[in-house]
Amino acid sequence: MTTAAYSPVQVLALPAMPSVKDAFAAMNIGPTNGYALIRDGQFPIEVIEFGRAKRVRRADLLTFLGLSETAAVEVQSAAATADDGAPGVQPEAPSAEQPAPTSK
């Protein structure tokens, strides 16, 4: 099974304690290599075990990836604003500055 790598926006939207599988996707490594790194004590982020569940801190993941916690707050704030039904310009809507199409 192949897991697609997460974009920075997806990483910033992760919960406070994402699973190691989410961390693997954020770091663009496969689960086989990721679990081997954890087993060998070489995983670059502290892994916290809750029974059989393995989690990492989002803050540690963001630091490792060079992303800021401030950016995570901005993404969450923007997502909350987008979900409140506020009117806005849709990406596919034509701008008033675009010239009208001409036919020849």
Protein backbone atom coordinates (compact mmCIF):
# COMPACT_ATOMS: atom_id res chain seq x y z
CA MET A 1 0.00 0.00 0.00
CA THR A 2 1.41 3.37 -0.99
CA THR A 3 0.64 6.50 0.98
CA ALA A 4 0.69 9.82 -0.82
CA ALA A 5 2.89 12.52 0.66
CA TYR A 6 1.08 15.31 2.49
CA SER A 7 1.22 18.88 1.28
CA PRO A 8 2.29 21.60 3.75
CA VAL A 9 -1.37 22.62 4.12
CA GLN A 10 -2.33 19.05 5.02
CA VAL A 11 0.51 18.83 7.53
CA LEU A 12 -0.51 22.12 9.15
CA ALA A 13 -4.08 20.82 9.48
CA LEU A 14 -3.06 17.67 11.39
CA PRO A 15 -4.34 17.23 14.97
CA ALA A 16 -2.10 17.93 17.98
CA MET A 17 -1.08 14.26 18.22
CA PRO A 18 -1.14 12.73 14.72
CA SER A 19 -0.46 9.05 14.17
CA VAL A 20 2.97 7.93 13.04
CA LYS A 21 1.36 7.03 9.70
CA ASP A 22 0.45 10.71 9.28
CA ALA A 23 4.03 11.61 10.22
CA PHE A 24 5.35 9.17 7.62
CA ALA A 25 3.16 10.77 4.94
CA ALA A 26 4.23 14.26 6.00
CA MET A 27 7.88 13.21 5.80
CA ASN A 28 7.31 11.34 2.51
CA ILE A 29 8.61 8.01 3.83
CA GLY A 30 6.87 4.67 3.60
CA PRO A 31 5.49 2.79 6.59
CA THR A 32 8.07 -0.01 6.31
CA ASN A 33 10.97 2.43 6.59
CA GLY A 34 9.17 4.54 9.18
CA TYR A 35 8.46 1.63 11.51
CA ALA A 36 12.04 0.36 11.03
CA LEU A 37 13.38 3.78 12.08
CA ILE A 38 11.13 3.74 15.16
CA ARG A 39 12.17 0.17 16.05
CA ASP A 40 15.87 1.08 15.70
CA GLY A 41 15.49 4.26 17.74
CA GLN A 42 16.45 6.39 14.72
CA PHE A 43 13.13 8.15 14.03
CA PRO A 44 13.91 11.90 14.09
CA ILE A 45 10.82 12.79 16.16
CA GLU A 46 9.87 11.50 19.60
CA VAL A 47 7.25 8.75 19.32
CA ILE A 48 4.71 8.47 22.12
CA GLU A 49 3.05 5.09 22.61
CA PHE A 50 -0.47 4.70 23.96
CA GLY A 51 -0.81 0.94 24.20
CA ARG A 52 -0.36 -0.18 20.61
CA ALA A 53 -1.02 3.27 19.15
CA LYS A 54 2.00 5.33 18.21
CA ARG A 55 1.72 9.10 17.97
CA VAL A 56 3.95 12.15 17.54
CA ARG A 57 3.52 15.75 18.60
CA ARG A 58 2.45 18.00 15.74
CA ALA A 59 4.77 20.73 17.07
CA ASP A 60 7.76 18.34 16.80
CA LEU A 61 6.73 17.32 13.29
CA LEU A 62 6.33 20.94 12.19
CA THR A 63 9.74 21.82 13.64
CA PHE A 64 11.38 18.89 11.86
CA LEU A 65 9.77 19.90 8.55
CA GLY A 66 10.63 23.58 9.02
CA LEU A 67 7.01 24.67 9.23
CA SER A 68 5.87 27.09 11.92
CA GLU A 69 3.12 26.62 14.49
CA THR A 70 1.98 30.16 13.60
CA ALA A 71 1.26 29.00 10.07
CA ALA A 72 -0.80 26.12 11.50
CA VAL A 73 -2.93 28.57 13.47
CA GLU A 74 -3.41 30.71 10.35
CA VAL A 75 -4.51 27.68 8.30
CA GLN A 76 -6.99 26.61 10.99
CA SER A 77 -8.32 30.16 11.26
CA ALA A 78 -8.74 30.40 7.49
CA ALA A 79 -10.50 27.03 7.42
CA ALA A 80 -12.89 28.13 10.16
CA THR A 81 -13.62 31.37 8.30
CA ALA A 82 -14.24 29.47 5.06
CA ASP A 83 -16.68 27.13 6.81
CA ASP A 84 -18.86 29.89 8.27
CA GLY A 85 -20.63 30.63 4.98
CA ALA A 86 -19.06 34.06 4.59
CA PRO A 87 -19.34 35.38 1.07
CA GLY A 88 -16.15 35.44 -0.93
CA VAL A 89 -14.77 35.29 -4.42
CA GLN A 90 -14.73 31.78 -5.75
CA PRO A 91 -11.46 30.72 -7.42
CA GLU A 92 -13.25 29.79 -10.63
CA ALA A 93 -15.28 33.00 -10.82
CA PRO A 94 -14.08 35.40 -13.53
CA SER A 95 -12.56 38.64 -12.34
CA ALA A 96 -14.00 41.99 -13.42
CA GLU A 97 -10.55 42.83 -14.80
CA GLN A 98 -10.59 40.03 -17.36
CA PRO A 99 -11.38 41.17 -20.91
CA ALA A 100 -14.47 39.78 -22.56
CA PRO A 101 -13.80 36.99 -25.08
CA THR A 102 -13.89 38.10 -28.70
CA SER A 103 -14.87 35.97 -31.65
CA LYS A 104 -13.31 36.31 -35.09
